[in-house]
C-alpha atoms as a PDB file:
ATOM      1  CA  MET A   1      -3.768  34.863  55.210  1.00  0.00           C
ATOM      2  CA  THR A   2      -7.189  35.949  54.260  1.00  0.00           C
ATOM      3  CA  PRO A   3      -8.329  33.788  51.291  1.00  0.00           C
ATOM      4  CA  ILE A   4      -9.099  35.473  48.132  1.00  0.00           C
ATOM      5  CA  LEU A   5     -12.708  34.975  47.231  1.00  0.00           C
ATOM      6  CA  PRO A   6     -14.010  34.896  43.439  1.00  0.00           C
ATOM      7  CA  SER A   7     -15.656  38.290  42.479  1.00  0.00           C
ATOM      8  CA  PRO A   8     -19.357  37.840  42.006  1.00  0.00           C
ATOM      9  CA  THR A   9     -19.060  39.315  38.692  1.00  0.00           C
ATOM     10  CA  ALA A  10     -16.416  36.685  37.479  1.00  0.00           C
ATOM     11  CA  PRO A  11     -17.361  35.329  34.256  1.00  0.00           C
ATOM     12  CA  PRO A  12     -18.976  31.629  34.564  1.00  0.00           C
ATOM     13  CA  PRO A  13     -16.471  28.668  33.813  1.00  0.00           C
ATOM     14  CA  LEU A  14     -15.847  28.067  30.067  1.00  0.00           C
ATOM     15  CA  LEU A  15     -17.132  24.806  28.533  1.00  0.00           C
ATOM     16  CA  MET A  16     -13.961  23.177  27.588  1.00  0.00           C
ATOM     17  CA  ASP A  17     -13.761  20.036  25.478  1.00  0.00           C
ATOM     18  CA  PRO A  18     -11.186  17.326  25.812  1.00  0.00           C
ATOM     19  CA  PHE A  19      -8.690  19.203  23.654  1.00  0.00           C
ATOM     20  CA  ALA A  20      -8.882  22.341  25.435  1.00  0.00           C
ATOM     21  CA  ARG A  21     -10.988  24.162  23.255  1.00  0.00           C
ATOM     22  CA  ALA A  22     -13.486  26.556  24.833  1.00  0.00           C
ATOM     23  CA  ILE A  23     -17.090  26.011  23.382  1.00  0.00           C
ATOM     24  CA  SER A  24     -18.539  29.514  22.975  1.00  0.00           C
ATOM     25  CA  TYR A  25     -20.569  29.102  19.673  1.00  0.00           C
ATOM     26  CA  LEU A  26     -23.997  27.376  19.551  1.00  0.00           C
ATOM     27  CA  ARG A  27     -26.096  26.951  16.402  1.00  0.00           C
ATOM     28  CA  VAL A  28     -29.683  26.162  17.667  1.00  0.00           C
ATOM     29  CA  SER A  29     -32.430  24.921  15.163  1.00  0.00           C
ATOM     30  CA  VAL A  30     -35.774  25.975  16.383  1.00  0.00           C
ATOM     31  CA  THR A  31     -37.735  24.259  13.743  1.00  0.00           C
ATOM     32  CA  ASP A  32     -37.530  21.385  10.990  1.00  0.00           C
ATOM     33  CA  ARG A  33     -40.173  23.129   8.864  1.00  0.00           C
ATOM     34  CA  CYS A  34     -39.407  25.396   5.888  1.00  0.00           C
ATOM     35  CA  ASP A  35     -41.406  27.081   3.171  1.00  0.00           C
ATOM     36  CA  PHE A  36     -38.882  26.207   0.669  1.00  0.00           C
ATOM     37  CA  ARG A  37     -37.957  22.635  -0.615  1.00  0.00           C
ATOM     38  CA  CYS A  38     -34.697  23.225  -2.029  1.00  0.00           C
ATOM     39  CA  THR A  39     -33.922  20.479  -4.323  1.00  0.00           C
ATOM     40  CA  TYR A  40     -30.390  19.473  -2.693  1.00  0.00           C
ATOM     41  CA  CYS A  41     -31.963  19.840   0.837  1.00  0.00           C
ATOM     42  CA  MET A  42     -35.448  18.512   1.190  1.00  0.00           C
ATOM     43  CA  ALA A  43     -37.914  16.317  -0.517  1.00  0.00           C
ATOM     44  CA  GLU A  44     -40.885  18.031  -2.080  1.00  0.00           C
ATOM     45  CA  HIS A  45     -43.194  16.452   0.189  1.00  0.00           C
ATOM     46  CA  MET A  46     -41.904  16.317   3.536  1.00  0.00           C
ATOM     47  CA  THR A  47     -42.975  14.457   6.483  1.00  0.00           C
ATOM     48  CA  PHE A  48     -42.184  16.851   9.552  1.00  0.00           C
ATOM     49  CA  LEU A  49     -41.783  15.998  13.252  1.00  0.00           C
ATOM     50  CA  PRO A  50     -44.812  15.873  15.502  1.00  0.00           C
ATOM     51  CA  LYS A  51     -44.894  19.155  17.427  1.00  0.00           C
ATOM     52  CA  ALA A  52     -44.895  17.303  20.754  1.00  0.00           C
ATOM     53  CA  GLU A  53     -41.275  16.380  19.938  1.00  0.00           C
ATOM     54  CA  LEU A  54     -40.130  19.874  19.224  1.00  0.00           C
ATOM     55  CA  LEU A  55     -38.755  21.921  22.263  1.00  0.00           C
ATOM     56  CA  THR A  56     -41.068  24.769  23.023  1.00  0.00           C
ATOM     57  CA  LEU A  57     -40.146  28.349  22.893  1.00  0.00           C
ATOM     58  CA  GLU A  58     -39.851  28.583  26.526  1.00  0.00           C
ATOM     59  CA  GLU A  59     -37.639  25.317  26.533  1.00  0.00           C
ATOM     60  CA  LEU A  60     -35.365  26.645  23.993  1.00  0.00           C
ATOM     61  CA  ASP A  61     -35.077  29.857  26.002  1.00  0.00           C
ATOM     62  CA  ARG A  62     -34.067  27.861  29.035  1.00  0.00           C
ATOM     63  CA  LEU A  63     -31.854  25.533  27.356  1.00  0.00           C
ATOM     64  CA  CYS A  64     -29.929  28.309  25.267  1.00  0.00           C
ATOM     65  CA  SER A  65     -29.789  30.381  28.609  1.00  0.00           C
ATOM     66  CA  ALA A  66     -27.929  27.461  30.239  1.00  0.00           C
ATOM     67  CA  PHE A  67     -25.494  27.504  27.334  1.00  0.00           C
ATOM     68  CA  VAL A  68     -24.905  31.266  27.800  1.00  0.00           C
ATOM     69  CA  ARG A  69     -24.369  30.918  31.486  1.00  0.00           C
ATOM     70  CA  MET A  70     -21.783  28.341  30.887  1.00  0.00           C
ATOM     71  CA  GLY A  71     -19.864  30.438  28.356  1.00  0.00           C
ATOM     72  CA  VAL A  72     -21.631  30.379  25.081  1.00  0.00           C
ATOM     73  CA  GLN A  73     -21.072  33.890  23.503  1.00  0.00           C
ATOM     74  CA  LYS A  74     -22.450  33.312  20.071  1.00  0.00           C
ATOM     75  CA  LEU A  75     -25.818  32.001  19.258  1.00  0.00           C
ATOM     76  CA  ARG A  76     -26.790  31.352  15.707  1.00  0.00           C
ATOM     77  CA  VAL A  77     -30.531  30.617  15.169  1.00  0.00           C
ATOM     78  CA  THR A  78     -31.222  28.203  12.199  1.00  0.00           C
ATOM     79  CA  GLY A  79     -34.065  25.692  10.943  1.00  0.00           C
ATOM     80  CA  GLY A  80     -35.522  24.456   8.619  1.00  0.00           C
ATOM     81  CA  GLU A  81     -36.448  28.165   8.158  1.00  0.00           C
ATOM     82  CA  PRO A  82     -36.562  29.779  11.463  1.00  0.00           C
ATOM     83  CA  LEU A  83     -38.565  32.720  10.810  1.00  0.00           C
ATOM     84  CA  VAL A  84     -41.812  30.440   9.939  1.00  0.00           C
ATOM     85  CA  ARG A  85     -42.076  29.176  13.635  1.00  0.00           C
ATOM     86  CA  ARG A  86     -45.070  30.681  15.145  1.00  0.00           C
ATOM     87  CA  GLY A  87     -43.971  32.955  17.662  1.00  0.00           C
ATOM     88  CA  ILE A  88     -40.411  33.119  17.006  1.00  0.00           C
ATOM     89  CA  MET A  89     -39.697  36.752  17.801  1.00  0.00           C
ATOM     90  CA  THR A  90     -40.660  35.817  21.277  1.00  0.00           C
ATOM     91  CA  PHE A  91     -37.448  33.721  21.455  1.00  0.00           C
ATOM     92  CA  PHE A  92     -35.551  36.493  19.869  1.00  0.00           C
ATOM     93  CA  ARG A  93     -36.584  39.051  22.588  1.00  0.00           C
ATOM     94  CA  ALA A  94     -35.700  36.403  25.185  1.00  0.00           C
ATOM     95  CA  MET A  95     -32.390  35.875  23.935  1.00  0.00           C
ATOM     96  CA  SER A  96     -32.041  39.758  23.616  1.00  0.00           C
ATOM     97  CA  ARG A  97     -31.600  39.976  27.464  1.00  0.00           C
ATOM     98  CA  HIS A  98     -28.371  38.105  27.285  1.00  0.00           C
ATOM     99  CA  LEU A  99     -27.079  40.664  24.834  1.00  0.00           C
ATOM    100  CA  GLU A 100     -28.119  43.517  27.143  1.00  0.00           C
ATOM    101  CA  THR A 101     -26.313  41.902  30.102  1.00  0.00           C
ATOM    102  CA  GLY A 102     -23.142  41.118  27.898  1.00  0.00           C
ATOM    103  CA  ALA A 103     -23.188  37.578  28.710  1.00  0.00           C
ATOM    104  CA  LEU A 104     -23.967  36.979  24.932  1.00  0.00           C
ATOM    105  CA  LYS A 105     -21.557  38.927  22.430  1.00  0.00           C
ATOM    106  CA  GLU A 106     -23.620  38.000  19.171  1.00  0.00           C
ATOM    107  CA  LEU A 107     -27.060  36.669  18.213  1.00  0.00           C
ATOM    108  CA  THR A 108     -27.246  36.070  14.602  1.00  0.00           C
ATOM    109  CA  LEU A 109     -29.683  34.211  12.042  1.00  0.00           C
ATOM    110  CA  THR A 110     -29.339  31.945   9.158  1.00  0.00           C
ATOM    111  CA  THR A 111     -32.696  32.377   6.855  1.00  0.00           C
ATOM    112  CA  ASN A 112     -33.774  31.798   3.461  1.00  0.00           C
ATOM    113  CA  GLY A 113     -34.802  35.540   3.341  1.00  0.00           C
ATOM    114  CA  SER A 114     -38.496  34.716   2.494  1.00  0.00           C
ATOM    115  CA  GLN A 115     -39.938  36.349   5.740  1.00  0.00           C
ATOM    116  CA  LEU A 116     -37.279  39.026   6.373  1.00  0.00           C
ATOM    117  CA  ALA A 117     -39.319  41.792   5.175  1.00  0.00           C
ATOM    118  CA  ARG A 118     -41.681  41.130   8.034  1.00  0.00           C
ATOM    119  CA  HIS A 119     -39.178  40.776  10.744  1.00  0.00           C
ATOM    120  CA  ALA A 120     -36.018  42.730   9.807  1.00  0.00           C
ATOM    121  CA  ASP A 121     -37.047  45.675  11.924  1.00  0.00           C
ATOM    122  CA  GLU A 122     -37.936  43.645  15.073  1.00  0.00           C
ATOM    123  CA  LEU A 123     -34.738  41.488  14.606  1.00  0.00           C
ATOM    124  CA  ALA A 124     -32.576  44.579  14.424  1.00  0.00           C
ATOM    125  CA  ALA A 125     -34.533  45.748  17.652  1.00  0.00           C
ATOM    126  CA  CYS A 126     -33.738  42.415  19.526  1.00  0.00           C
ATOM    127  CA  GLY A 127     -30.052  43.142  18.919  1.00  0.00           C
ATOM    128  CA  VAL A 128     -29.344  40.965  15.615  1.00  0.00           C
ATOM    129  CA  ARG A 129     -26.874  42.679  13.728  1.00  0.00           C
ATOM    130  CA  ARG A 130     -26.050  40.508  10.873  1.00  0.00           C
ATOM    131  CA  VAL A 131     -27.840  37.644   9.061  1.00  0.00           C
ATOM    132  CA  ASN A 132     -26.801  34.847   6.628  1.00  0.00           C
ATOM    133  CA  VAL A 133     -29.199  34.322   3.454  1.00  0.00           C
ATOM    134  CA  SER A 134     -29.212  31.405   1.567  1.00  0.00           C
ATOM    135  CA  LEU A 135     -29.347  32.383  -2.255  1.00  0.00           C
ATOM    136  CA  ASP A 136     -28.134  30.367  -5.122  1.00  0.00           C
ATOM    137  CA  THR A 137     -29.196  32.303  -8.199  1.00  0.00           C
ATOM    138  CA  LEU A 138     -30.331  35.674  -9.219  1.00  0.00           C
ATOM    139  CA  ASP A 139     -32.538  34.111 -12.021  1.00  0.00           C
ATOM    140  CA  ALA A 140     -36.186  34.036 -11.163  1.00  0.00           C
ATOM    141  CA  GLU A 141     -36.936  31.148 -12.922  1.00  0.00           C
ATOM    142  CA  ARG A 142     -33.964  29.179 -11.948  1.00  0.00           C
ATOM    143  CA  PHE A 143     -34.605  30.344  -8.209  1.00  0.00           C
ATOM    144  CA  ALA A 144     -38.289  28.715  -8.519  1.00  0.00           C
ATOM    145  CA  LYS A 145     -36.849  25.753  -9.877  1.00  0.00           C
ATOM    146  CA  VAL A 146     -34.147  24.970  -7.192  1.00  0.00           C
ATOM    147  CA  THR A 147     -36.459  26.238  -4.192  1.00  0.00           C
ATOM    148  CA  ARG A 148     -39.626  24.503  -5.704  1.00  0.00           C
ATOM    149  CA  TRP A 149     -41.764  26.661  -3.599  1.00  0.00           C
ATOM    150  CA  GLY A 150     -39.647  29.904  -3.377  1.00  0.00           C
ATOM    151  CA  ARG A 151     -39.956  33.278  -5.150  1.00  0.00           C
ATOM    152  CA  LEU A 152     -37.099  35.527  -5.696  1.00  0.00           C
ATOM    153  CA  PRO A 153     -38.767  38.859  -5.544  1.00  0.00           C
ATOM    154  CA  GLN A 154     -39.877  37.979  -2.038  1.00  0.00           C
ATOM    155  CA  VAL A 155     -36.439  37.246  -0.790  1.00  0.00           C
ATOM    156  CA  LEU A 156     -34.928  40.466  -2.646  1.00  0.00           C
ATOM    157  CA  ASP A 157     -37.599  42.425  -0.732  1.00  0.00           C
ATOM    158  CA  GLY A 158     -36.356  40.707   2.298  1.00  0.00           C
ATOM    159  CA  LEU A 159     -32.848  41.661   1.724  1.00  0.00           C
ATOM    160  CA  ARG A 160     -33.832  45.207   1.164  1.00  0.00           C
ATOM    161  CA  ALA A 161     -35.582  45.278   4.327  1.00  0.00           C
ATOM    162  CA  ALA A 162     -32.632  43.757   5.929  1.00  0.00           C
ATOM    163  CA  ARG A 163     -30.246  46.397   4.949  1.00  0.00           C
ATOM    164  CA  ALA A 164     -32.954  49.089   5.712  1.00  0.00           C
ATOM    165  CA  ALA A 165     -33.040  47.890   9.088  1.00  0.00           C
ATOM    166  CA  GLY A 166     -29.287  48.087   9.399  1.00  0.00           C
ATOM    167  CA  LEU A 167     -28.472  44.330   9.479  1.00  0.00           C
ATOM    168  CA  ARG A 168     -25.354  43.088   7.737  1.00  0.00           C
ATOM    169  CA  VAL A 169     -26.056  40.437   5.022  1.00  0.00           C
ATOM    170  CA  LYS A 170     -23.838  37.535   4.001  1.00  0.00           C
ATOM    171  CA  ILE A 171     -25.159  35.568   1.012  1.00  0.00           C
ATOM    172  CA  ASN A 172     -24.471  31.668   1.405  1.00  0.00           C
ATOM    173  CA  THR A 173     -24.542  30.400  -2.356  1.00  0.00           C
ATOM    174  CA  VAL A 174     -24.258  26.626  -2.941  1.00  0.00           C
ATOM    175  CA  ALA A 175     -22.124  25.855  -5.994  1.00  0.00           C
ATOM    176  CA  LEU A 176     -24.109  23.695  -8.320  1.00  0.00           C
ATOM    177  CA  ARG A 177     -22.487  22.512 -11.657  1.00  0.00           C
ATOM    178  CA  GLY A 178     -24.754  22.997 -14.581  1.00  0.00           C
ATOM    179  CA  PHE A 179     -27.025  25.449 -12.719  1.00  0.00           C
ATOM    180  CA  ASN A 180     -25.459  28.433 -11.462  1.00  0.00           C
ATOM    181  CA  GLU A 181     -21.773  28.123 -12.922  1.00  0.00           C
ATOM    182  CA  ASP A 182     -22.623  30.949 -15.359  1.00  0.00           C
ATOM    183  CA  GLU A 183     -23.897  33.175 -12.843  1.00  0.00           C
ATOM    184  CA  LEU A 184     -20.465  33.182 -10.811  1.00  0.00           C
ATOM    185  CA  PHE A 185     -19.375  36.784 -11.649  1.00  0.00           C
ATOM    186  CA  ARG A 186     -23.025  38.032 -11.832  1.00  0.00           C
ATOM    187  CA  LEU A 187     -23.336  37.095  -8.065  1.00  0.00           C
ATOM    188  CA  VAL A 188     -20.011  38.466  -7.221  1.00  0.00           C
ATOM    189  CA  ASP A 189     -20.849  41.827  -8.932  1.00  0.00           C
ATOM    190  CA  TRP A 190     -24.295  42.084  -7.179  1.00  0.00           C
ATOM    191  CA  CYS A 191     -23.049  41.369  -3.755  1.00  0.00           C
ATOM    192  CA  GLY A 192     -20.425  43.924  -4.341  1.00  0.00           C
ATOM    193  CA  ALA A 193     -23.097  46.604  -5.478  1.00  0.00           C
ATOM    194  CA  GLU A 194     -25.274  45.502  -2.890  1.00  0.00           C
ATOM    195  CA  GLY A 195     -22.650  45.612   0.086  1.00  0.00           C
ATOM    196  CA  HIS A 196     -22.955  41.960   0.798  1.00  0.00           C
ATOM    197  CA  ASP A 197     -20.243  39.393   1.889  1.00  0.00           C
ATOM    198  CA  LEU A 198     -20.434  36.128  -0.242  1.00  0.00           C
ATOM    199  CA  THR A 199     -19.603  32.742   0.707  1.00  0.00           C
ATOM    200  CA  PHE A 200     -19.724  29.758  -1.599  1.00  0.00           C
ATOM    201  CA  ILE A 201     -20.475  26.214  -0.291  1.00  0.00           C
ATOM    202  CA  GLU A 202     -19.468  22.991  -1.967  1.00  0.00           C
ATOM    203  CA  VAL A 203     -22.346  20.678  -2.142  1.00  0.00           C
ATOM    204  CA  MET A 204     -22.069  17.507  -0.321  1.00  0.00           C
ATOM    205  CA  PRO A 205     -22.366  14.872  -2.979  1.00  0.00           C
ATOM    206  CA  MET A 206     -23.682  12.191  -0.396  1.00  0.00           C
ATOM    207  CA  GLY A 207     -26.703  11.536   1.415  1.00  0.00           C
ATOM    208  CA  GLU A 208     -30.125   9.773   1.047  1.00  0.00           C
ATOM    209  CA  MET A 209     -31.779  12.357  -1.348  1.00  0.00           C
ATOM    210  CA  GLY A 210     -31.271  12.369  -5.017  1.00  0.00           C
ATOM    211  CA  GLU A 211     -27.715  10.754  -4.975  1.00  0.00           C
ATOM    212  CA  ASP A 212     -27.251  10.878  -8.761  1.00  0.00           C
ATOM    213  CA  THR A 213     -28.587  14.636  -9.007  1.00  0.00           C
ATOM    214  CA  ARG A 214     -26.121  15.551  -6.236  1.00  0.00           C
ATOM    215  CA  LEU A 215     -23.425  13.930  -7.994  1.00  0.00           C
ATOM    216  CA  ASP A 216     -24.275  15.443 -11.368  1.00  0.00           C
ATOM    217  CA  GLN A 217     -24.368  18.883  -9.520  1.00  0.00           C
ATOM    218  CA  TYR A 218     -21.040  18.802  -7.464  1.00  0.00           C
ATOM    219  CA  TRP A 219     -18.898  21.577  -8.516  1.00  0.00           C
ATOM    220  CA  PRO A 220     -15.372  21.660  -6.569  1.00  0.00           C
ATOM    221  CA  LEU A 221     -14.645  24.881  -5.288  1.00  0.00           C
ATOM    222  CA  THR A 222     -11.137  24.613  -6.496  1.00  0.00           C
ATOM    223  CA  GLU A 223     -12.599  25.029  -9.953  1.00  0.00           C
ATOM    224  CA  LEU A 224     -14.663  27.926  -9.024  1.00  0.00           C
ATOM    225  CA  ARG A 225     -11.881  29.584  -7.019  1.00  0.00           C
ATOM    226  CA  ALA A 226      -9.673  29.192 -10.167  1.00  0.00           C
ATOM    227  CA  ARG A 227     -12.436  30.823 -12.424  1.00  0.00           C
ATOM    228  CA  LEU A 228     -12.437  33.843  -9.935  1.00  0.00           C
ATOM    229  CA  ALA A 229      -8.808  34.006 -10.120  1.00  0.00           C
ATOM    230  CA  GLU A 230      -9.004  34.401 -13.875  1.00  0.00           C
ATOM    231  CA  ARG A 231     -10.556  38.007 -13.253  1.00  0.00           C
ATOM    232  CA  PHE A 232      -9.474  39.019  -9.816  1.00  0.00           C
ATOM    233  CA  SER A 233      -6.393  38.960  -7.763  1.00  0.00           C
ATOM    234  CA  LEU A 234      -7.125  36.747  -4.622  1.00  0.00           C
ATOM    235  CA  ILE A 235      -5.750  37.801  -1.439  1.00  0.00           C
ATOM    236  CA  GLU A 236      -5.596  35.183   1.314  1.00  0.00           C
ATOM    237  CA  LEU A 237      -7.123  36.324   4.690  1.00  0.00           C
ATOM    238  CA  SER A 238      -6.224  34.689   7.780  1.00  0.00           C
ATOM    239  CA  GLU A 239      -9.378  35.480   9.790  1.00  0.00           C
ATOM    240  CA  ARG A 240     -11.417  32.792  11.103  1.00  0.00           C
ATOM    241  CA  THR A 241     -15.161  33.257  12.499  1.00  0.00           C
ATOM    242  CA  GLY A 242     -15.493  29.870  14.395  1.00  0.00           C
ATOM    243  CA  GLY A 243     -17.066  28.452  11.418  1.00  0.00           C
ATOM    244  CA  PRO A 244     -15.582  26.369   8.444  1.00  0.00           C
ATOM    245  CA  ALA A 245     -15.116  29.222   5.794  1.00  0.00           C
ATOM    246  CA  ARG A 246     -11.796  30.185   4.440  1.00  0.00           C
ATOM    247  CA  TYR A 247     -11.718  33.884   3.139  1.00  0.00           C
ATOM    248  CA  VAL A 248     -10.099  35.935   0.546  1.00  0.00           C
ATOM    249  CA  ARG A 249     -10.309  39.506  -0.583  1.00  0.00           C
ATOM    250  CA  LEU A 250     -10.643  40.656  -4.111  1.00  0.00           C
ATOM    251  CA  ALA A 251      -7.959  43.335  -4.509  1.00  0.00           C
ATOM    252  CA  GLU A 252      -9.895  44.873  -7.434  1.00  0.00           C
ATOM    253  CA  THR A 253     -13.356  45.555  -5.481  1.00  0.00           C
ATOM    254  CA  GLY A 254     -12.174  45.002  -1.726  1.00  0.00           C
ATOM    255  CA  GLN A 255     -15.011  42.140  -1.441  1.00  0.00           C
ATOM    256  CA  LYS A 256     -14.613  39.473   1.011  1.00  0.00           C
ATOM    257  CA  ILE A 257     -15.304  35.876  -0.274  1.00  0.00           C
ATOM    258  CA  GLY A 258     -15.720  32.690   1.695  1.00  0.00           C
ATOM    259  CA  PHE A 259     -15.437  29.187   0.577  1.00  0.00           C
ATOM    260  CA  ILE A 260     -16.712  26.302   2.553  1.00  0.00           C
ATOM    261  CA  THR A 261     -15.322  23.084   1.448  1.00  0.00           C
ATOM    262  CA  PRO A 262     -15.931  20.393   3.819  1.00  0.00           C
ATOM    263  CA  LEU A 263     -14.459  17.341   2.078  1.00  0.00           C
ATOM    264  CA  THR A 264     -11.110  19.251   1.184  1.00  0.00           C
ATOM    265  CA  HIS A 265     -10.291  21.314   4.172  1.00  0.00           C
ATOM    266  CA  ASN A 266      -9.834  20.019   7.822  1.00  0.00           C
ATOM    267  CA  PHE A 267     -11.349  23.171   9.796  1.00  0.00           C
ATOM    268  CA  CYS A 268     -11.488  21.364  12.928  1.00  0.00           C
ATOM    269  CA  GLU A 269      -8.514  22.536  14.993  1.00  0.00           C
ATOM    270  CA  SER A 270     -10.147  25.628  16.123  1.00  0.00           C
ATOM    271  CA  CYS A 271     -13.658  24.296  16.450  1.00  0.00           C
ATOM    272  CA  ASN A 272     -15.454  26.255  19.184  1.00  0.00           C
ATOM    273  CA  ARG A 273     -19.280  25.162  18.337  1.00  0.00           C
ATOM    274  CA  VAL A 274     -21.808  22.486  18.922  1.00  0.00           C
ATOM    275  CA  ARG A 275     -25.155  22.164  17.462  1.00  0.00           C
ATOM    276  CA  LEU A 276     -28.635  21.765  19.002  1.00  0.00           C
ATOM    277  CA  THR A 277     -31.605  20.454  17.011  1.00  0.00           C
ATOM    278  CA  CYS A 278     -35.088  21.412  17.550  1.00  0.00           C
ATOM    279  CA  THR A 279     -35.744  18.196  19.334  1.00  0.00           C
ATOM    280  CA  GLY A 280     -33.184  19.082  21.887  1.00  0.00           C
ATOM    281  CA  GLU A 281     -30.388  16.743  20.577  1.00  0.00           C
ATOM    282  CA  LEU A 282     -26.828  18.125  21.006  1.00  0.00           C
ATOM    283  CA  PHE A 283     -24.270  17.270  18.326  1.00  0.00           C
ATOM    284  CA  MET A 284     -20.858  17.971  19.347  1.00  0.00           C
ATOM    285  CA  CYS A 285     -19.602  17.665  16.015  1.00  0.00           C
ATOM    286  CA  LEU A 286     -21.284  18.729  12.803  1.00  0.00           C
ATOM    287  CA  GLY A 287     -19.523  15.946  10.913  1.00  0.00           C
ATOM    288  CA  GLN A 288     -20.157  12.889  13.165  1.00  0.00           C
ATOM    289  CA  GLU A 289     -23.297  11.267  14.302  1.00  0.00           C
ATOM    290  CA  ASP A 290     -22.614  11.121  18.144  1.00  0.00           C
ATOM    291  CA  ARG A 291     -25.152  13.127  20.082  1.00  0.00           C
ATOM    292  CA  ALA A 292     -26.543  13.749  23.502  1.00  0.00           C
ATOM    293  CA  ASP A 293     -30.223  13.971  24.568  1.00  0.00           C
ATOM    294  CA  LEU A 294     -30.728  17.267  26.494  1.00  0.00           C
ATOM    295  CA  ARG A 295     -34.504  17.163  26.311  1.00  0.00           C
ATOM    296  CA  ALA A 296     -34.961  14.541  28.629  1.00  0.00           C
ATOM    297  CA  PRO A 297     -33.064  16.295  31.655  1.00  0.00           C
ATOM    298  CA  LEU A 298     -34.802  19.643  30.532  1.00  0.00           C
ATOM    299  CA  ARG A 299     -38.173  18.020  30.935  1.00  0.00           C
ATOM    300  CA  ARG A 300     -37.400  15.847  33.935  1.00  0.00           C
ATOM    301  CA  THR A 301     -36.970  18.510  36.253  1.00  0.00           C
ATOM    302  CA  ALA A 302     -37.340  22.259  36.524  1.00  0.00           C
ATOM    303  CA  GLU A 303     -33.809  22.450  38.410  1.00  0.00           C
ATOM    304  CA  ASP A 304     -30.965  23.413  36.011  1.00  0.00           C
ATOM    305  CA  GLY A 305     -28.346  21.377  37.710  1.00  0.00           C
ATOM    306  CA  PRO A 306     -28.984  18.115  35.926  1.00  0.00           C
ATOM    307  CA  LEU A 307     -29.514  19.934  32.583  1.00  0.00           C
ATOM    308  CA  GLU A 308     -25.899  21.480  33.107  1.00  0.00           C
ATOM    309  CA  GLN A 309     -24.315  18.236  33.994  1.00  0.00           C
ATOM    310  CA  ALA A 310     -25.917  16.696  30.716  1.00  0.00           C
ATOM    311  CA  ILE A 311     -24.160  19.441  28.947  1.00  0.00           C
ATOM    312  CA  ARG A 312     -20.825  19.208  30.368  1.00  0.00           C
ATOM    313  CA  GLU A 313     -20.976  15.387  29.825  1.00  0.00           C
ATOM    314  CA  ALA A 314     -21.683  16.149  26.052  1.00  0.00           C
ATOM    315  CA  ILE A 315     -18.853  18.450  25.624  1.00  0.00           C
ATOM    316  CA  ALA A 316     -16.566  15.956  27.197  1.00  0.00           C
ATOM    317  CA  ARG A 317     -17.482  13.585  24.484  1.00  0.00           C
ATOM    318  CA  LYS A 318     -16.612  16.273  21.795  1.00  0.00           C
ATOM    319  CA  PRO A 319     -14.209  14.701  19.232  1.00  0.00           C
ATOM    320  CA  LYS A 320     -11.056  16.183  17.820  1.00  0.00           C
ATOM    321  CA  GLY A 321     -12.546  16.358  14.307  1.00  0.00           C
ATOM    322  CA  HIS A 322     -14.621  15.128  11.598  1.00  0.00           C
ATOM    323  CA  ASP A 323     -13.961  11.648  10.094  1.00  0.00           C
ATOM    324  CA  PHE A 324     -12.562  13.088   6.949  1.00  0.00           C
ATOM    325  CA  ASP A 325     -11.247   9.905   5.548  1.00  0.00           C
ATOM    326  CA  TYR A 326     -14.426   8.214   5.994  1.00  0.00           C
ATOM    327  CA  SER A 327     -16.322  11.005   4.223  1.00  0.00           C
ATOM    328  CA  ARG A 328     -14.084  10.865   1.273  1.00  0.00           C
ATOM    329  CA  LYS A 329     -14.177   7.347   0.983  1.00  0.00           C
ATOM    330  CA  THR A 330     -17.929   7.439   1.160  1.00  0.00           C
ATOM    331  CA  VAL A 331     -17.939  10.010  -1.788  1.00  0.00           C
ATOM    332  CA  ALA A 332     -15.531   8.389  -3.842  1.00  0.00           C
ATOM    333  CA  GLY A 333     -17.516   5.288  -3.767  1.00  0.00           C
ATOM    334  CA  GLN A 334     -20.631   6.996  -4.730  1.00  0.00           C
ATOM    335  CA  MET A 335     -18.758   8.767  -7.653  1.00  0.00           C
ATOM    336  CA  SER A 336     -17.424   5.423  -8.704  1.00  0.00           C
ATOM    337  CA  ARG A 337     -20.929   3.836  -8.663  1.00  0.00           C
ATOM    338  CA  HIS A 338     -22.516   6.852 -10.429  1.00  0.00           C
ATOM    339  CA  MET A 339     -19.672   6.813 -13.166  1.00  0.00           C
ATOM    340  CA  SER A 340     -20.261   3.148 -13.775  1.00  0.00           C
ATOM    341  CA  HIS A 341     -23.776   3.625 -14.002  1.00  0.00           C
ATOM    342  CA  THR A 342     -23.713   6.707 -16.491  1.00  0.00           C
ATOM    343  CA  GLY A 343     -20.764   5.306 -18.539  1.00  0.00           C
ATOM    344  CA  GLY A 344     -18.567   8.195 -17.506  1.00  0.00           C
END
């Protein structure tokens, strides 16, 4: 019998983790720098990494191309603020070749919107079809306060440019008690009028920066959702995007609203993604600290074999899910200490 040979056009073998999940989604940070200093994200006077530690744009191309060859079909470019990196459109143009071949199905961007007015047309030309824009308030004074260095009109100009370029926009809003609670319906109405989807993100009340501030600002999305339900009929949606959001549709307007609640919902069972930092570290789980150094094999040789082997070995260590019990206990402990300090 003549053996059946594999077709030369057969897709590459999928990256499979130990739990038979195909890894098809890569989030890649292209810089640690940002032109904002959001109070829940960065210190006002940050010390950034030496440029020699960052992957070059050519190295990012080579590394991301390796993932695409190995089955990654969705690539999300993040930062810092990705659009502040010098020459970043070179990287988008390089990745667009994978869209043209069909190997890459989606190239997306998460941004603060400050540079969208300059880059929206070229992003669209490179095959980007949608962007996530972080926006926590529609009040210019509050916006300047929470971002420290940002200006709301600049972001709104960017959003208009994105829509004019044909980019679909999803607004990501961090829910902050005492800050944007009173803008809940304003944000929903504005997104509806502008044609933007909207996702609310629960701030993680843990970390090294401003612990007391984070605890004061912690607004559980269960409360936010209950407030939404006072005005709208919420229809549960079963769709998943490979990320942590759960979605509802507002019956009265048809809008889709997402909720990301990292402490209360385990979204790991269908996790298909990994995260690559701008220094070449691969995090197999966004909620755990295990990581793999891909910069070393990348720089050691021009041959891609060792790099692909390092990627496979890393994916073989991907855990089943977050350590949620640890996260909850950490937060509970911080809240308990905070209440004792404030007399709550």
